[in-house]
Amino acid sequence: MKIYAIKDDTLPKDKILGYLIYYELQNSFYIELPDDADRWETPMILSSFVEKGIYSIDSYWSKIWVMQRIVPQDRQNIAQIICDNHLKEYDEYRLLMLANGRCEQDDCYLEEVVSEELPAFIKERWQTKINDIIPLKPPQILIFFRNEIAGIVDVNSMGIPECRPYLTNNERFNTVEVQPDGYGVYWNERAMISYSMLYAYSSKIPLSLADLHDYIKNRTVSSSQVCDILECSRQNVDDLVRRGKIQPIRTDAKYKLFSKTDVLQRISVKE
């Protein structure tokens, strides 16, 4: 992870307009703005988020800001530019660094900082990043935040047009993933929601990710463990599943996972 302070030549040297965070492995950018950001000082595009009270910018719009500061990929002489700058291919990050983030449309530039230099408000904000998620029945997602708080979010209530195609189909809805370093959730590069919005819209519940791990560890059993509990063969377990007497929580080609409680209930049930 690389971190850069966003500064402006027309403002005092110690004035920081925001922070650009870059994850090299995923080639993704994120921008964090101060809670007291002045929309007149904030760089173009980002100022529209300040007006809405949004200070954690998702990867899509953060990359749009970056792309406006570098030579476009469809430039007629882009191959020569890549060669002249000793690049193997078009690389947004390296092109951005060639001029320290400067461009002709404003006076902003980037200055690298280390994580220890990040202000307290960002470190506190990042405590609401996402550790893990469980897609529930659409359009709800159970989210485990970094501060050990869990919440359920109704994505439909957030009114994000790009997400709507995923909210009515269970299979598509379940493809949701966590963004790098817990920055949010996404289905594709446009259908994404930042961690800060998810935290604001979530209905908090008294559950932690550790609780979920304890449940998986102590209250789920494999097919082999079911055989031991019921004192039967694997074929008997498969027959119980086929007849709907027990239902696996998860099934794949070689493995089934069951609720221990459901299996124990079979001991007192006569066939």
Protein backbone atom coordinates (compact mmCIF):
# COMPACT_ATOMS: atom_id res chain seq x y z
CA MET A 1 0.00 0.00 0.00
CA LYS A 2 1.25 3.46 -0.97
CA ILE A 3 -0.12 6.64 0.60
CA TYR A 4 0.11 10.14 -0.87
CA ALA A 5 -1.00 13.46 0.56
CA ILE A 6 -2.89 15.58 -1.98
CA LYS A 7 -1.59 19.15 -1.85
CA ASP A 8 -2.01 22.35 -3.85
CA ASP A 9 0.75 24.76 -4.90
CA THR A 10 -1.52 27.75 -4.25
CA LEU A 11 -2.13 26.75 -0.61
CA PRO A 12 0.20 26.56 2.40
CA LYS A 13 2.64 23.61 2.31
CA ASP A 14 1.12 22.04 5.41
CA LYS A 15 -2.41 22.10 3.94
CA ILE A 16 -3.52 18.58 2.96
CA LEU A 17 -6.64 18.30 0.82
CA GLY A 18 -6.90 14.55 1.10
CA TYR A 19 -5.02 11.27 0.81
CA LEU A 20 -4.65 8.97 -2.18
CA ILE A 21 -4.17 5.32 -1.23
CA TYR A 22 -2.89 2.88 -3.85
CA TYR A 23 -2.93 -0.93 -3.66
CA GLU A 24 -0.40 -2.23 -6.15
CA LEU A 25 -1.53 -5.87 -6.30
CA GLN A 26 -5.11 -4.93 -7.22
CA ASN A 27 -4.10 -1.74 -9.06
CA SER A 28 -6.81 0.10 -7.17
CA PHE A 29 -6.98 3.67 -5.86
CA TYR A 30 -8.97 5.15 -2.98
CA ILE A 31 -9.21 8.72 -1.74
CA GLU A 32 -9.89 9.88 1.81
CA LEU A 33 -10.96 13.49 2.38
CA PRO A 34 -10.93 15.39 5.70
CA ASP A 35 -14.22 15.68 7.58
CA ASP A 36 -13.87 19.48 7.37
CA ALA A 37 -12.98 19.55 3.66
CA ASP A 38 -13.75 22.83 1.93
CA ARG A 39 -15.49 22.10 -1.36
CA TRP A 40 -13.91 25.22 -2.92
CA GLU A 41 -10.41 23.94 -2.15
CA THR A 42 -11.10 20.26 -2.85
CA PRO A 43 -10.01 19.10 -6.33
CA MET A 44 -12.62 18.97 -9.08
CA ILE A 45 -14.84 15.85 -9.13
CA LEU A 46 -14.01 15.21 -5.46
CA SER A 47 -15.74 18.43 -4.44
CA SER A 48 -19.09 16.95 -5.51
CA PHE A 49 -18.65 14.27 -2.84
CA VAL A 50 -17.94 16.90 -0.20
CA GLU A 51 -21.24 18.56 -1.06
CA LYS A 52 -22.98 15.23 -0.34
CA GLY A 53 -21.08 14.69 2.91
CA ILE A 54 -19.10 11.75 1.48
CA TYR A 55 -15.43 11.73 2.47
CA SER A 56 -14.33 8.17 1.62
CA ILE A 57 -14.27 7.94 -2.18
CA ASP A 58 -14.72 4.52 -3.79
CA SER A 59 -12.21 3.01 -6.21
CA TYR A 60 -14.19 3.85 -9.33
CA TRP A 61 -14.31 7.61 -8.77
CA SER A 62 -10.84 7.67 -7.23
CA LYS A 63 -9.49 6.12 -10.42
CA ILE A 64 -11.45 8.62 -12.52
CA TRP A 65 -9.63 11.39 -10.64
CA VAL A 66 -6.30 9.66 -11.33
CA MET A 67 -7.09 9.12 -15.01
CA GLN A 68 -7.77 12.83 -15.46
CA ARG A 69 -4.21 13.54 -14.35
CA ILE A 70 -2.38 11.25 -16.79
CA VAL A 71 -2.14 10.77 -20.53
CA PRO A 72 -5.20 8.82 -21.78
CA GLN A 73 -4.79 5.27 -23.01
CA ASP A 74 -6.29 6.13 -26.42
CA ARG A 75 -3.75 8.88 -27.09
CA GLN A 76 -2.49 8.55 -30.67
CA ASN A 77 1.18 8.35 -29.67
CA ILE A 78 0.67 6.40 -26.44
CA ALA A 79 3.05 3.61 -27.52
CA GLN A 80 5.87 6.12 -27.95
CA ILE A 81 5.07 7.75 -24.59
CA ILE A 82 5.22 4.36 -22.86
CA CYS A 83 8.55 3.60 -24.56
CA ASP A 84 10.05 7.02 -23.79
CA ASN A 85 9.24 6.58 -20.10
CA HIS A 86 10.71 3.05 -19.97
CA LEU A 87 7.38 1.39 -19.18
CA LYS A 88 6.49 -2.11 -20.33
CA GLU A 89 2.80 -1.27 -20.68
CA TYR A 90 0.21 1.38 -19.90
CA ASP A 91 0.42 1.78 -16.12
CA GLU A 92 -1.85 4.35 -14.45
CA TYR A 93 0.14 4.44 -11.23
CA ARG A 94 3.56 4.88 -12.83
CA LEU A 95 2.28 7.49 -15.24
CA LEU A 96 0.78 9.35 -12.29
CA MET A 97 4.09 9.27 -10.47
CA LEU A 98 6.09 10.63 -13.41
CA ALA A 99 4.89 14.15 -12.59
CA ASN A 100 4.02 13.57 -8.92
CA GLY A 101 0.33 13.74 -9.80
CA ARG A 102 0.53 17.16 -11.42
CA CYS A 103 -1.58 18.04 -14.44
CA GLU A 104 -2.61 21.13 -16.40
CA GLN A 105 -6.15 21.46 -15.05
CA ASP A 106 -5.23 22.44 -11.48
CA ASP A 107 -2.32 23.08 -9.10
CA CYS A 108 -2.54 19.82 -7.14
CA TYR A 109 0.33 17.43 -6.62
CA LEU A 110 1.11 14.31 -4.58
CA GLU A 111 3.57 13.87 -1.75
CA GLU A 112 4.27 10.39 -0.39
CA VAL A 113 3.71 9.80 3.32
CA VAL A 114 3.98 6.76 5.59
CA SER A 115 1.02 5.26 7.41
CA GLU A 116 2.26 6.62 10.74
CA GLU A 117 1.75 10.14 9.39
CA LEU A 118 -1.94 9.63 8.68
CA PRO A 119 -4.15 11.86 10.82
CA ALA A 120 -6.26 10.45 13.65
CA PHE A 121 -9.54 11.01 11.82
CA ILE A 122 -8.53 8.57 9.06
CA LYS A 123 -7.28 5.94 11.50
CA GLU A 124 -10.54 6.25 13.40
CA ARG A 125 -12.56 6.15 10.17
CA TRP A 126 -10.76 3.02 9.07
CA GLN A 127 -12.01 1.20 12.16
CA THR A 128 -15.29 0.88 10.28
CA LYS A 129 -13.71 -0.87 7.30
CA ILE A 130 -15.05 -4.33 6.52
CA ASN A 131 -13.63 -7.60 7.82
CA ASP A 132 -16.13 -9.91 6.15
CA ILE A 133 -19.63 -10.16 4.72
CA ILE A 134 -22.44 -12.68 4.35
CA PRO A 135 -24.96 -12.09 1.57
CA LEU A 136 -28.38 -12.87 3.03
CA LYS A 137 -31.68 -12.97 1.16
CA PRO A 138 -31.51 -10.14 -1.41
CA PRO A 139 -31.20 -7.23 -0.93
CA GLN A 140 -29.66 -7.68 2.56
CA ILE A 141 -26.01 -8.16 3.49
CA LEU A 142 -24.66 -9.01 6.92
CA ILE A 143 -21.44 -7.05 7.43
CA PHE A 144 -18.72 -7.49 10.04
CA PHE A 145 -16.87 -4.23 10.55
CA ARG A 146 -13.31 -3.87 11.78
CA ASN A 147 -14.44 -2.35 15.09
CA GLU A 148 -16.11 -5.67 16.03
CA ILE A 149 -19.57 -4.31 15.23
CA ALA A 150 -21.90 -6.16 12.86
CA GLY A 151 -24.77 -4.72 10.90
CA ILE A 152 -27.38 -5.66 8.30
CA VAL A 153 -27.67 -3.42 5.26
CA ASP A 154 -30.63 -3.26 2.91
CA VAL A 155 -28.82 -2.36 -0.30
CA ASN A 156 -32.04 -1.42 -2.05
CA SER A 157 -32.66 1.35 0.49
CA MET A 158 -29.37 2.99 -0.47
CA GLY A 159 -30.68 3.92 -3.90
CA ILE A 160 -27.56 3.06 -5.92
CA PRO A 161 -28.66 2.49 -9.55
CA GLU A 162 -25.59 0.42 -10.50
CA CYS A 163 -26.39 -2.13 -7.77
CA ARG A 164 -30.06 -2.70 -8.64
CA PRO A 165 -29.50 -5.41 -11.30
CA TYR A 166 -27.95 -7.60 -8.58
CA LEU A 167 -30.71 -7.21 -5.99
CA THR A 168 -33.45 -9.36 -7.51
CA ASN A 169 -31.47 -12.46 -8.43
CA ASN A 170 -30.10 -14.59 -5.58
CA GLU A 171 -27.26 -16.10 -7.62
CA ARG A 172 -26.05 -12.73 -8.90
CA PHE A 173 -26.50 -11.12 -5.49
CA ASN A 174 -24.29 -13.77 -3.88
CA THR A 175 -21.34 -12.81 -6.11
CA VAL A 176 -20.74 -9.75 -3.90
CA GLU A 177 -17.15 -9.50 -2.61
CA VAL A 178 -15.14 -7.35 -0.21
CA GLN A 179 -12.89 -4.71 -1.77
CA PRO A 180 -9.15 -4.60 -0.99
CA ASP A 181 -8.40 -3.85 2.66
CA GLY A 182 -12.11 -3.76 3.49
CA TYR A 183 -12.79 -0.55 1.56
CA GLY A 184 -16.32 -1.65 0.69
CA VAL A 185 -18.26 -4.29 -1.24
CA TYR A 186 -18.66 -4.69 -4.98
CA TRP A 187 -20.23 -6.72 -7.76
CA ASN A 188 -18.33 -4.99 -10.54
CA GLU A 189 -16.28 -1.82 -10.98
CA ARG A 190 -19.40 0.36 -11.02
CA ALA A 191 -21.66 -1.57 -8.64
CA MET A 192 -19.81 -0.89 -5.41
CA ILE A 193 -20.51 0.65 -2.01
CA SER A 194 -17.90 2.23 0.27
CA TYR A 195 -17.37 1.03 3.82
CA SER A 196 -18.40 4.40 5.25
CA MET A 197 -21.78 4.32 3.49
CA LEU A 198 -22.38 0.73 4.56
CA TYR A 199 -21.62 1.60 8.16
CA ALA A 200 -23.95 4.60 8.07
CA TYR A 201 -26.83 2.61 6.55
CA SER A 202 -26.41 -0.59 8.60
CA SER A 203 -28.74 -1.69 11.37
CA LYS A 204 -26.30 -2.71 14.11
CA ILE A 205 -26.75 -6.12 15.77
CA PRO A 206 -24.98 -7.73 18.78
CA LEU A 207 -22.85 -10.14 16.77
CA SER A 208 -19.15 -10.32 15.99
CA LEU A 209 -17.10 -12.17 13.41
CA ALA A 210 -15.58 -14.13 16.29
CA ASP A 211 -19.09 -15.27 17.21
CA LEU A 212 -19.58 -16.56 13.69
CA HIS A 213 -16.25 -18.37 13.76
CA ASP A 214 -17.21 -19.97 17.08
CA TYR A 215 -20.46 -21.16 15.55
CA ILE A 216 -18.68 -22.72 12.57
CA LYS A 217 -16.09 -24.33 14.84
CA ASN A 218 -18.45 -25.66 17.51
CA ARG A 219 -21.84 -26.07 15.86
CA THR A 220 -21.11 -27.45 12.38
CA VAL A 221 -20.01 -30.98 11.47
CA SER A 222 -18.67 -32.76 8.41
CA SER A 223 -20.13 -35.91 6.82
CA SER A 224 -17.58 -38.02 8.69
CA GLN A 225 -18.60 -36.46 11.99
CA VAL A 226 -22.25 -37.09 11.15
CA CYS A 227 -21.39 -40.76 10.66
CA ASP A 228 -19.82 -40.86 14.13
CA ILE A 229 -22.75 -39.07 15.81
CA LEU A 230 -25.43 -41.23 14.17
CA GLU A 231 -23.27 -44.38 14.12
CA CYS A 232 -24.01 -44.98 10.49
CA SER A 233 -22.24 -45.20 7.15
CA ARG A 234 -21.60 -42.44 4.63
CA GLN A 235 -24.24 -44.06 2.41
CA ASN A 236 -26.80 -43.68 5.22
CA VAL A 237 -25.93 -39.99 5.53
CA ASP A 238 -26.35 -39.49 1.77
CA ASP A 239 -29.72 -41.26 1.99
CA LEU A 240 -30.86 -38.98 4.83
CA VAL A 241 -29.93 -35.96 2.72
CA ARG A 242 -31.71 -37.38 -0.34
CA ARG A 243 -34.90 -37.91 1.68
CA GLY A 244 -34.70 -34.46 3.23
CA LYS A 245 -34.22 -35.74 6.78
CA ILE A 246 -31.14 -33.57 7.23
CA GLN A 247 -30.11 -30.60 5.12
CA PRO A 248 -26.47 -29.68 4.53
CA ILE A 249 -25.50 -26.07 5.10
CA ARG A 250 -22.99 -26.32 2.29
CA THR A 251 -22.40 -28.88 -0.42
CA ASP A 252 -19.69 -29.33 -3.02
CA ALA A 253 -18.39 -32.26 -5.04
CA LYS A 254 -16.46 -33.86 -2.18
CA TYR A 255 -17.70 -32.23 1.00
CA LYS A 256 -20.84 -31.48 2.98
CA LEU A 257 -21.23 -29.32 6.06
CA PHE A 258 -24.14 -29.79 8.49
CA SER A 259 -25.65 -28.08 11.50
CA LYS A 260 -24.68 -30.13 14.56
CA THR A 261 -28.06 -29.40 16.16
CA ASP A 262 -29.95 -30.78 13.14
CA VAL A 263 -27.87 -33.95 13.23
CA LEU A 264 -28.33 -34.46 16.97
CA GLN A 265 -32.09 -34.17 16.50
CA ARG A 266 -31.98 -37.31 14.35
CA ILE A 267 -30.89 -39.43 17.33
CA SER A 268 -34.34 -39.18 18.94
CA VAL A 269 -36.29 -39.40 15.66
CA LYS A 270 -37.55 -42.79 14.58
CA GLU A 271 -37.40 -43.66 10.89
